[in-house]
Amino acid sequence: MSAALYVLGIDPGLSGAFSIVDSEGRLHLCDDLPTMGAGARVSINGGQLADTLRPLPIALAVVELVGAMPKQGVASVWKFAQACGQVRGVLEALDIPIQWVTPQAWKKSLRLSADKEAARALAIETWPEMRACFARKSDHGRAESALIARFGVPYACTSLTERAA
């Protein structure tokens, strides 16, 4: 990646994903959040995530702000919250500014419904050269992370302008 403005988008959780989009809207990186362990002991691999993000000139991380959902079990809510906390810890340790955004806000700005397949279709349409990242139905997290990053580009540009003033 060349010296430009990069925005990191994160769809958090153990089955979440992260993406890097530049200020021109080009998608440079898209992958699942790294995990370690198995079964009940699976968790975010914070060290691997930090190693991936550390060398990148990320101006802003936009992270989906999500909470517990009705009828979700206590154990699954706890694991999800831990995963979100691990992601936040990595970003803060790397001194990457974080903007939290609700699913409703970023999806509304891109004229998307809650349908994950619609997000995947929009990602494929937006970045056809990267369609392999979104090939499987289960790649909706990757698609959402890329779209979250795209949503954050104007905010990153504004934030940098304000800091320079």
N, C-alpha and C. Protein backbone atom coordinates (compact mmCIF):
# COMPACT_ATOMS: atom_id res chain seq x y z
N MET A 1 0.84 -1.18 0.00
CA MET A 1 0.00 0.00 0.00
C MET A 1 0.88 1.25 0.00
N SER A 2 0.49 2.24 -0.76
CA SER A 2 1.24 3.49 -0.83
C SER A 2 0.83 4.41 0.31
N ALA A 3 1.55 5.53 0.44
CA ALA A 3 1.24 6.49 1.50
C ALA A 3 -0.04 7.23 1.14
N ALA A 4 -1.12 6.87 1.76
CA ALA A 4 -2.42 7.47 1.53
C ALA A 4 -3.21 7.37 2.82
N LEU A 5 -4.43 7.82 2.77
CA LEU A 5 -5.32 7.75 3.92
C LEU A 5 -6.04 6.41 3.91
N TYR A 6 -5.93 5.65 4.99
CA TYR A 6 -6.59 4.36 5.07
C TYR A 6 -7.58 4.33 6.22
N VAL A 7 -8.71 3.70 5.95
CA VAL A 7 -9.75 3.52 6.95
C VAL A 7 -9.93 2.03 7.17
N LEU A 8 -9.95 1.64 8.42
CA LEU A 8 -10.16 0.26 8.82
C LEU A 8 -11.63 0.10 9.19
N GLY A 9 -12.29 -0.88 8.62
CA GLY A 9 -13.67 -1.19 8.99
C GLY A 9 -13.69 -2.53 9.69
N ILE A 10 -14.43 -2.62 10.79
CA ILE A 10 -14.49 -3.87 11.54
C ILE A 10 -15.93 -4.24 11.83
N ASP A 11 -16.27 -5.47 11.43
CA ASP A 11 -17.51 -6.12 11.83
C ASP A 11 -17.07 -7.05 12.95
N PRO A 12 -17.31 -6.68 14.22
CA PRO A 12 -16.71 -7.40 15.34
C PRO A 12 -17.36 -8.76 15.62
N GLY A 13 -16.69 -9.52 16.46
CA GLY A 13 -17.18 -10.82 16.88
C GLY A 13 -16.23 -11.92 16.46
N LEU A 14 -16.44 -13.10 17.01
CA LEU A 14 -15.56 -14.23 16.70
C LEU A 14 -15.66 -14.67 15.25
N SER A 15 -16.77 -14.37 14.60
CA SER A 15 -16.88 -14.67 13.17
C SER A 15 -16.87 -13.37 12.36
N GLY A 16 -16.28 -12.33 12.95
CA GLY A 16 -16.22 -11.02 12.32
C GLY A 16 -15.11 -10.90 11.30
N ALA A 17 -14.95 -9.70 10.78
CA ALA A 17 -13.97 -9.46 9.72
C ALA A 17 -13.46 -8.03 9.81
N PHE A 18 -12.38 -7.77 9.05
CA PHE A 18 -11.83 -6.42 8.98
C PHE A 18 -11.41 -6.13 7.54
N SER A 19 -11.46 -4.86 7.18
CA SER A 19 -11.10 -4.43 5.83
C SER A 19 -10.42 -3.08 5.89
N ILE A 20 -9.59 -2.82 4.88
CA ILE A 20 -8.91 -1.54 4.73
C ILE A 20 -9.32 -0.93 3.39
N VAL A 21 -9.84 0.31 3.45
CA VAL A 21 -10.24 1.05 2.27
C VAL A 21 -9.45 2.35 2.27
N ASP A 22 -9.00 2.80 1.08
CA ASP A 22 -8.29 4.08 1.03
C ASP A 22 -9.27 5.23 0.78
N SER A 23 -8.74 6.44 0.79
CA SER A 23 -9.58 7.63 0.67
C SER A 23 -10.27 7.72 -0.69
N GLU A 24 -9.82 6.96 -1.67
CA GLU A 24 -10.47 6.91 -2.98
C GLU A 24 -11.52 5.80 -3.05
N GLY A 25 -11.69 5.06 -1.97
CA GLY A 25 -12.68 4.00 -1.94
C GLY A 25 -12.18 2.65 -2.43
N ARG A 26 -10.88 2.54 -2.69
CA ARG A 26 -10.32 1.25 -3.14
C ARG A 26 -10.12 0.33 -1.95
N LEU A 27 -10.51 -0.91 -2.13
CA LEU A 27 -10.36 -1.93 -1.09
C LEU A 27 -8.98 -2.56 -1.21
N HIS A 28 -8.20 -2.48 -0.14
CA HIS A 28 -6.83 -3.00 -0.17
C HIS A 28 -6.69 -4.33 0.57
N LEU A 29 -7.48 -4.54 1.60
CA LEU A 29 -7.35 -5.73 2.42
C LEU A 29 -8.72 -6.09 2.97
N CYS A 30 -9.01 -7.37 2.98
CA CYS A 30 -10.28 -7.85 3.52
C CYS A 30 -10.05 -9.26 4.03
N ASP A 31 -10.34 -9.50 5.31
CA ASP A 31 -10.10 -10.83 5.87
C ASP A 31 -10.96 -11.03 7.11
N ASP A 32 -11.03 -12.27 7.54
CA ASP A 32 -11.72 -12.60 8.79
C ASP A 32 -10.84 -12.15 9.96
N LEU A 33 -11.46 -11.79 11.07
CA LEU A 33 -10.68 -11.49 12.27
C LEU A 33 -9.97 -12.78 12.68
N PRO A 34 -8.68 -12.68 13.02
CA PRO A 34 -7.95 -13.90 13.38
C PRO A 34 -8.41 -14.42 14.74
N THR A 35 -8.54 -15.72 14.84
CA THR A 35 -8.93 -16.34 16.09
C THR A 35 -7.91 -17.40 16.48
N MET A 36 -7.99 -17.82 17.72
CA MET A 36 -7.15 -18.92 18.20
C MET A 36 -7.99 -19.76 19.15
N GLY A 37 -7.57 -20.99 19.34
CA GLY A 37 -8.33 -21.90 20.18
C GLY A 37 -9.44 -22.55 19.38
N ALA A 38 -10.22 -23.34 20.07
CA ALA A 38 -11.31 -24.06 19.41
C ALA A 38 -12.47 -24.24 20.38
N GLY A 39 -13.64 -24.43 19.80
CA GLY A 39 -14.83 -24.70 20.61
C GLY A 39 -15.11 -23.59 21.60
N ALA A 40 -15.33 -23.96 22.85
CA ALA A 40 -15.66 -22.99 23.89
C ALA A 40 -14.48 -22.09 24.23
N ARG A 41 -13.29 -22.46 23.79
CA ARG A 41 -12.09 -21.68 24.12
C ARG A 41 -11.60 -20.78 22.98
N VAL A 42 -12.39 -20.64 21.94
CA VAL A 42 -11.99 -19.78 20.83
C VAL A 42 -12.04 -18.31 21.25
N SER A 43 -11.07 -17.53 20.79
CA SER A 43 -11.04 -16.11 21.10
C SER A 43 -10.31 -15.38 19.97
N ILE A 44 -10.40 -14.07 19.97
CA ILE A 44 -9.69 -13.26 18.99
C ILE A 44 -8.19 -13.38 19.26
N ASN A 45 -7.42 -13.54 18.22
CA ASN A 45 -5.96 -13.57 18.34
C ASN A 45 -5.47 -12.13 18.22
N GLY A 46 -5.46 -11.44 19.34
CA GLY A 46 -5.10 -10.02 19.37
C GLY A 46 -3.69 -9.76 18.87
N GLY A 47 -2.76 -10.64 19.18
CA GLY A 47 -1.38 -10.46 18.72
C GLY A 47 -1.28 -10.51 17.20
N GLN A 48 -1.98 -11.47 16.60
CA GLN A 48 -1.95 -11.58 15.14
C GLN A 48 -2.63 -10.38 14.50
N LEU A 49 -3.75 -9.94 15.07
CA LEU A 49 -4.44 -8.76 14.53
C LEU A 49 -3.53 -7.53 14.63
N ALA A 50 -2.87 -7.36 15.77
CA ALA A 50 -1.96 -6.22 15.95
C ALA A 50 -0.81 -6.29 14.96
N ASP A 51 -0.25 -7.48 14.75
CA ASP A 51 0.86 -7.62 13.80
C ASP A 51 0.42 -7.27 12.38
N THR A 52 -0.81 -7.57 12.03
CA THR A 52 -1.33 -7.25 10.69
C THR A 52 -1.54 -5.75 10.54
N LEU A 53 -2.09 -5.11 11.57
CA LEU A 53 -2.45 -3.69 11.47
C LEU A 53 -1.30 -2.73 11.74
N ARG A 54 -0.34 -3.12 12.56
CA ARG A 54 0.73 -2.23 13.01
C ARG A 54 1.45 -1.50 11.87
N PRO A 55 1.84 -2.18 10.80
CA PRO A 55 2.60 -1.45 9.76
C PRO A 55 1.75 -0.58 8.83
N LEU A 56 0.45 -0.63 8.97
CA LEU A 56 -0.43 0.09 8.04
C LEU A 56 -0.73 1.50 8.54
N PRO A 57 -0.72 2.49 7.64
CA PRO A 57 -1.00 3.88 8.04
C PRO A 57 -2.52 4.12 8.15
N ILE A 58 -3.10 3.62 9.21
CA ILE A 58 -4.56 3.70 9.39
C ILE A 58 -4.91 5.01 10.09
N ALA A 59 -5.72 5.83 9.43
CA ALA A 59 -6.13 7.12 10.00
C ALA A 59 -7.30 6.97 10.96
N LEU A 60 -8.15 5.97 10.72
CA LEU A 60 -9.36 5.81 11.52
C LEU A 60 -9.85 4.37 11.44
N ALA A 61 -10.32 3.86 12.56
CA ALA A 61 -11.00 2.57 12.58
C ALA A 61 -12.48 2.84 12.83
N VAL A 62 -13.32 2.30 11.98
CA VAL A 62 -14.77 2.40 12.16
C VAL A 62 -15.25 1.01 12.55
N VAL A 63 -15.82 0.93 13.74
CA VAL A 63 -16.22 -0.37 14.30
C VAL A 63 -17.72 -0.37 14.52
N GLU A 64 -18.36 -1.43 14.07
CA GLU A 64 -19.80 -1.54 14.26
C GLU A 64 -20.11 -1.66 15.75
N LEU A 65 -20.99 -0.82 16.22
CA LEU A 65 -21.42 -0.80 17.61
C LEU A 65 -22.65 -1.67 17.74
N VAL A 66 -22.47 -2.82 18.32
CA VAL A 66 -23.56 -3.78 18.44
C VAL A 66 -23.72 -4.16 19.89
N GLY A 67 -24.88 -4.69 20.22
CA GLY A 67 -25.15 -5.12 21.58
C GLY A 67 -25.85 -6.47 21.58
N ALA A 68 -26.25 -6.87 22.75
CA ALA A 68 -26.95 -8.15 22.89
C ALA A 68 -28.28 -8.11 22.15
N MET A 69 -28.67 -9.25 21.65
CA MET A 69 -29.94 -9.35 20.94
C MET A 69 -30.89 -10.21 21.77
N PRO A 70 -32.21 -9.98 21.62
CA PRO A 70 -33.18 -10.78 22.37
C PRO A 70 -32.99 -12.27 22.11
N LYS A 71 -33.20 -13.04 23.14
CA LYS A 71 -33.13 -14.51 23.09
C LYS A 71 -31.72 -15.04 22.84
N GLN A 72 -30.72 -14.20 22.99
CA GLN A 72 -29.33 -14.65 22.88
C GLN A 72 -28.91 -15.17 24.24
N GLY A 73 -28.21 -16.26 24.28
CA GLY A 73 -27.77 -16.84 25.54
C GLY A 73 -26.70 -16.01 26.22
N VAL A 74 -26.62 -16.15 27.53
CA VAL A 74 -25.65 -15.39 28.32
C VAL A 74 -24.22 -15.71 27.87
N ALA A 75 -23.93 -16.97 27.64
CA ALA A 75 -22.57 -17.37 27.25
C ALA A 75 -22.18 -16.76 25.90
N SER A 76 -23.09 -16.76 24.95
CA SER A 76 -22.75 -16.20 23.63
C SER A 76 -22.60 -14.69 23.71
N VAL A 77 -23.40 -14.02 24.51
CA VAL A 77 -23.26 -12.58 24.69
C VAL A 77 -21.91 -12.28 25.34
N TRP A 78 -21.53 -13.07 26.32
CA TRP A 78 -20.25 -12.88 27.00
C TRP A 78 -19.09 -13.05 26.03
N LYS A 79 -19.10 -14.09 25.21
CA LYS A 79 -18.02 -14.33 24.25
C LYS A 79 -17.96 -13.21 23.21
N PHE A 80 -19.13 -12.74 22.77
CA PHE A 80 -19.16 -11.65 21.80
C PHE A 80 -18.58 -10.38 22.42
N ALA A 81 -18.95 -10.09 23.65
CA ALA A 81 -18.44 -8.90 24.34
C ALA A 81 -16.93 -8.99 24.53
N GLN A 82 -16.44 -10.17 24.86
CA GLN A 82 -15.00 -10.35 25.01
C GLN A 82 -14.28 -10.09 23.68
N ALA A 83 -14.83 -10.61 22.60
CA ALA A 83 -14.23 -10.41 21.28
C ALA A 83 -14.19 -8.92 20.93
N CYS A 84 -15.27 -8.21 21.20
CA CYS A 84 -15.31 -6.77 20.93
C CYS A 84 -14.27 -6.03 21.77
N GLY A 85 -14.14 -6.45 23.03
CA GLY A 85 -13.15 -5.83 23.91
C GLY A 85 -11.73 -6.09 23.44
N GLN A 86 -11.48 -7.29 22.93
CA GLN A 86 -10.14 -7.60 22.42
C GLN A 86 -9.81 -6.72 21.21
N VAL A 87 -10.76 -6.56 20.32
CA VAL A 87 -10.55 -5.70 19.15
C VAL A 87 -10.29 -4.26 19.59
N ARG A 88 -11.10 -3.78 20.51
CA ARG A 88 -10.90 -2.41 21.02
C ARG A 88 -9.53 -2.25 21.65
N GLY A 89 -9.11 -3.24 22.43
CA GLY A 89 -7.80 -3.18 23.07
C GLY A 89 -6.67 -3.11 22.07
N VAL A 90 -6.75 -3.89 21.00
CA VAL A 90 -5.72 -3.85 19.96
C VAL A 90 -5.68 -2.47 19.32
N LEU A 91 -6.84 -1.93 18.96
CA LEU A 91 -6.88 -0.61 18.32
C LEU A 91 -6.33 0.47 19.23
N GLU A 92 -6.70 0.42 20.50
CA GLU A 92 -6.21 1.44 21.43
C GLU A 92 -4.71 1.28 21.66
N ALA A 93 -4.21 0.05 21.74
CA ALA A 93 -2.78 -0.17 21.93
C ALA A 93 -1.97 0.34 20.73
N LEU A 94 -2.56 0.26 19.54
CA LEU A 94 -1.89 0.75 18.33
C LEU A 94 -2.15 2.24 18.10
N ASP A 95 -2.89 2.87 19.01
CA ASP A 95 -3.19 4.31 18.93
C ASP A 95 -3.95 4.66 17.65
N ILE A 96 -4.88 3.80 17.27
CA ILE A 96 -5.72 4.04 16.10
C ILE A 96 -7.04 4.64 16.59
N PRO A 97 -7.39 5.84 16.14
CA PRO A 97 -8.66 6.44 16.57
C PRO A 97 -9.84 5.54 16.16
N ILE A 98 -10.83 5.47 17.03
CA ILE A 98 -11.99 4.60 16.79
C ILE A 98 -13.25 5.45 16.68
N GLN A 99 -14.04 5.15 15.68
CA GLN A 99 -15.39 5.70 15.56
C GLN A 99 -16.34 4.52 15.61
N TRP A 100 -17.26 4.55 16.54
CA TRP A 100 -18.27 3.50 16.67
C TRP A 100 -19.48 3.91 15.84
N VAL A 101 -20.07 2.97 15.14
CA VAL A 101 -21.23 3.27 14.31
C VAL A 101 -22.24 2.13 14.44
N THR A 102 -23.50 2.49 14.58
CA THR A 102 -24.53 1.47 14.68
C THR A 102 -24.78 0.86 13.30
N PRO A 103 -25.24 -0.38 13.27
CA PRO A 103 -25.56 -0.99 11.98
C PRO A 103 -26.60 -0.16 11.22
N GLN A 104 -27.56 0.39 11.95
CA GLN A 104 -28.61 1.18 11.31
C GLN A 104 -28.04 2.39 10.59
N ALA A 105 -27.07 3.06 11.21
CA ALA A 105 -26.51 4.29 10.63
C ALA A 105 -25.72 4.01 9.35
N TRP A 106 -24.78 3.06 9.40
CA TRP A 106 -23.98 2.85 8.19
C TRP A 106 -24.79 2.20 7.09
N LYS A 107 -25.73 1.32 7.45
CA LYS A 107 -26.55 0.68 6.41
C LYS A 107 -27.50 1.68 5.77
N LYS A 108 -28.04 2.58 6.57
CA LYS A 108 -28.94 3.61 6.01
C LYS A 108 -28.18 4.49 5.02
N SER A 109 -26.95 4.85 5.36
CA SER A 109 -26.17 5.73 4.47
C SER A 109 -25.86 5.05 3.13
N LEU A 110 -25.81 3.73 3.11
CA LEU A 110 -25.54 2.98 1.88
C LEU A 110 -26.82 2.38 1.29
N ARG A 111 -27.95 2.79 1.84
CA ARG A 111 -29.26 2.32 1.37
C ARG A 111 -29.39 0.80 1.42
N LEU A 112 -28.94 0.22 2.53
CA LEU A 112 -29.02 -1.22 2.72
C LEU A 112 -30.04 -1.55 3.80
N SER A 113 -30.63 -2.71 3.67
CA SER A 113 -31.51 -3.22 4.71
C SER A 113 -30.67 -4.08 5.65
N ALA A 114 -31.29 -4.79 6.53
CA ALA A 114 -30.58 -5.69 7.43
C ALA A 114 -30.15 -6.98 6.74
N ASP A 115 -30.55 -7.17 5.49
CA ASP A 115 -30.24 -8.38 4.73
C ASP A 115 -28.74 -8.48 4.44
N LYS A 116 -28.11 -9.50 5.01
CA LYS A 116 -26.67 -9.68 4.84
C LYS A 116 -26.29 -10.00 3.40
N GLU A 117 -27.18 -10.66 2.67
CA GLU A 117 -26.91 -10.96 1.26
C GLU A 117 -26.88 -9.68 0.42
N ALA A 118 -27.68 -8.70 0.81
CA ALA A 118 -27.66 -7.41 0.09
C ALA A 118 -26.31 -6.72 0.30
N ALA A 119 -25.77 -6.82 1.51
CA ALA A 119 -24.46 -6.24 1.78
C ALA A 119 -23.38 -6.95 0.96
N ARG A 120 -23.46 -8.25 0.90
CA ARG A 120 -22.48 -9.01 0.12
C ARG A 120 -22.57 -8.65 -1.37
N ALA A 121 -23.79 -8.52 -1.88
CA ALA A 121 -23.99 -8.15 -3.28
C ALA A 121 -23.43 -6.75 -3.56
N LEU A 122 -23.65 -5.80 -2.64
CA LEU A 122 -23.13 -4.45 -2.83
C LEU A 122 -21.59 -4.44 -2.81
N ALA A 123 -21.01 -5.24 -1.94
CA ALA A 123 -19.54 -5.31 -1.88
C ALA A 123 -18.98 -5.88 -3.19
N ILE A 124 -19.60 -6.91 -3.72
CA ILE A 124 -19.16 -7.49 -4.99
C ILE A 124 -19.30 -6.47 -6.12
N GLU A 125 -20.40 -5.73 -6.11
CA GLU A 125 -20.64 -4.70 -7.13
C GLU A 125 -19.64 -3.55 -7.01
N THR A 126 -19.31 -3.17 -5.77
CA THR A 126 -18.41 -2.04 -5.53
C THR A 126 -16.96 -2.39 -5.83
N TRP A 127 -16.56 -3.60 -5.48
CA TRP A 127 -15.17 -4.03 -5.68
C TRP A 127 -15.14 -5.36 -6.46
N PRO A 128 -15.52 -5.35 -7.73
CA PRO A 128 -15.56 -6.60 -8.50
C PRO A 128 -14.21 -7.30 -8.58
N GLU A 129 -13.13 -6.52 -8.56
CA GLU A 129 -11.80 -7.12 -8.62
C GLU A 129 -11.46 -7.89 -7.34
N MET A 130 -12.21 -7.66 -6.26
CA MET A 130 -11.99 -8.34 -4.98
C MET A 130 -13.12 -9.33 -4.67
N ARG A 131 -13.90 -9.70 -5.67
CA ARG A 131 -15.09 -10.53 -5.43
C ARG A 131 -14.77 -11.85 -4.75
N ALA A 132 -13.54 -12.35 -4.90
CA ALA A 132 -13.16 -13.60 -4.23
C ALA A 132 -13.26 -13.46 -2.71
N CYS A 133 -13.07 -12.25 -2.19
CA CYS A 133 -13.20 -12.02 -0.74
C CYS A 133 -14.63 -12.24 -0.25
N PHE A 134 -15.58 -12.10 -1.16
CA PHE A 134 -17.00 -12.15 -0.79
C PHE A 134 -17.72 -13.33 -1.46
N ALA A 135 -16.97 -14.31 -1.93
CA ALA A 135 -17.53 -15.38 -2.76
C ALA A 135 -18.53 -16.27 -2.04
N ARG A 136 -18.26 -16.57 -0.78
CA ARG A 136 -19.14 -17.50 -0.05
C ARG A 136 -20.25 -16.75 0.68
N LYS A 137 -21.35 -17.41 0.86
CA LYS A 137 -22.46 -16.83 1.61
C LYS A 137 -22.00 -16.40 3.01
N SER A 138 -21.07 -17.17 3.57
CA SER A 138 -20.57 -16.88 4.92
C SER A 138 -19.61 -15.69 4.95
N ASP A 139 -19.31 -15.09 3.80
CA ASP A 139 -18.41 -13.94 3.74
C ASP A 139 -19.13 -12.61 3.95
N HIS A 140 -20.35 -12.66 4.47
CA HIS A 140 -21.09 -11.42 4.70
C HIS A 140 -20.39 -10.52 5.70
N GLY A 141 -19.65 -11.09 6.66
CA GLY A 141 -18.91 -10.26 7.61
C GLY A 141 -17.81 -9.48 6.93
N ARG A 142 -17.13 -10.11 5.96
CA ARG A 142 -16.11 -9.41 5.18
C ARG A 142 -16.75 -8.27 4.40
N ALA A 143 -17.89 -8.56 3.78
CA ALA A 143 -18.59 -7.54 3.00
C ALA A 143 -18.98 -6.37 3.90
N GLU A 144 -19.53 -6.68 5.06
CA GLU A 144 -19.95 -5.61 5.96
C GLU A 144 -18.75 -4.82 6.47
N SER A 145 -17.63 -5.48 6.76
CA SER A 145 -16.47 -4.72 7.23
C SER A 145 -15.96 -3.77 6.14
N ALA A 146 -15.97 -4.22 4.89
CA ALA A 146 -15.53 -3.36 3.78
C ALA A 146 -16.47 -2.16 3.62
N LEU A 147 -17.76 -2.41 3.73
CA LEU A 147 -18.74 -1.33 3.59
C LEU A 147 -18.68 -0.37 4.78
N ILE A 148 -18.38 -0.89 5.96
CA ILE A 148 -18.21 -0.04 7.14
C ILE A 148 -17.00 0.88 6.93
N ALA A 149 -15.92 0.33 6.39
CA ALA A 149 -14.73 1.15 6.10
C ALA A 149 -15.07 2.23 5.09
N ARG A 150 -15.79 1.84 4.04
CA ARG A 150 -16.20 2.82 3.01
C ARG A 150 -17.05 3.93 3.63
N PHE A 151 -17.95 3.55 4.52
CA PHE A 151 -18.77 4.52 5.24
C PHE A 151 -17.89 5.52 6.00
N GLY A 152 -16.76 5.07 6.54
CA GLY A 152 -15.92 5.90 7.38
C GLY A 152 -14.98 6.84 6.66
N VAL A 153 -14.80 6.68 5.36
CA VAL A 153 -13.83 7.51 4.63
C VAL A 153 -14.10 9.02 4.81
N PRO A 154 -15.32 9.52 4.62
CA PRO A 154 -15.53 10.97 4.81
C PRO A 154 -15.21 11.44 6.22
N TYR A 155 -15.46 10.58 7.22
CA TYR A 155 -15.17 10.96 8.60
C TYR A 155 -13.67 11.04 8.85
N ALA A 156 -12.92 10.13 8.24
CA ALA A 156 -11.46 10.15 8.40
C ALA A 156 -10.88 11.40 7.75
N CYS A 157 -11.38 11.75 6.58
CA CYS A 157 -10.89 12.94 5.88
C CYS A 157 -11.19 14.20 6.69
N THR A 158 -12.37 14.30 7.26
CA THR A 158 -12.76 15.45 8.08
C THR A 158 -11.89 15.51 9.33
N SER A 159 -11.68 14.37 9.95
CA SER A 159 -10.89 14.33 11.17
C SER A 159 -9.47 14.79 10.91
N LEU A 160 -8.86 14.38 9.81
CA LEU A 160 -7.49 14.80 9.48
C LEU A 160 -7.43 16.30 9.20
N THR A 161 -8.43 16.84 8.52
CA THR A 161 -8.48 18.26 8.22
C THR A 161 -8.58 19.07 9.52
N GLU A 162 -9.41 18.59 10.46
CA GLU A 162 -9.57 19.29 11.73
C GLU A 162 -8.27 19.26 12.53
N ARG A 163 -7.54 18.12 12.49
CA ARG A 163 -6.29 18.01 13.23
C ARG A 163 -5.21 18.94 12.65
N ALA A 164 -5.23 19.16 11.35
CA ALA A 164 -4.23 19.99 10.69
C ALA A 164 -4.47 21.48 10.95
N ALA A 165 -5.71 21.85 11.26
CA ALA A 165 -6.06 23.27 11.46
C ALA A 165 -5.55 23.83 12.77
